[in-house]
Amino acid sequence: QVQLVESGGGLVQAGDSLRLSCAASGRTFSNYRMGWFRQAPGKEREFVATISWSGDSTYYSDSVKGRFTISRVHANNSVYLQMNRLKPEDTAVYYCAAKPPGYSGIFYVKAYDYAYWGQGTQVTVSS
């Protein structure tokens, strides 16, 4: 079992930056693909970014590409999401997710492709 705990959310103004953290515990997750998703009120959970187990491959949604950066540090079992030039439409609860090897095949942009989830952290961007 993997436990994921997000932190770093908050209330910021448009144009500001935030860095979200996700700490994993319970078992080694070094060979898991990791992802960030977000969910705004009244909307479905949407894909934001993902990073391979090795950290050398990343993929972003078009809405955040060029503004957000996902990274991971195996030594402290953590994944990060650096968010720059935030916009009001980035307001949502942000979730960290873990995809074990072989889970949901080769796919990684849908919520159901991930087996473990954190409780989420709120990000609010005011205009």
Foldseek 3Di string as FASTA:
>chain_A
DKAKAKDWADEEAAQAKTKMKIAIDDDQQLQWKKFKWWDDPPGDIFGAKIAGSVRPDMDGDPVQPPFWDWGDDRVRRMIMIIGGRDDQVVWTWMKMFIAHPPQPHPDDGDPNNTDDIYPTDTHGYHD
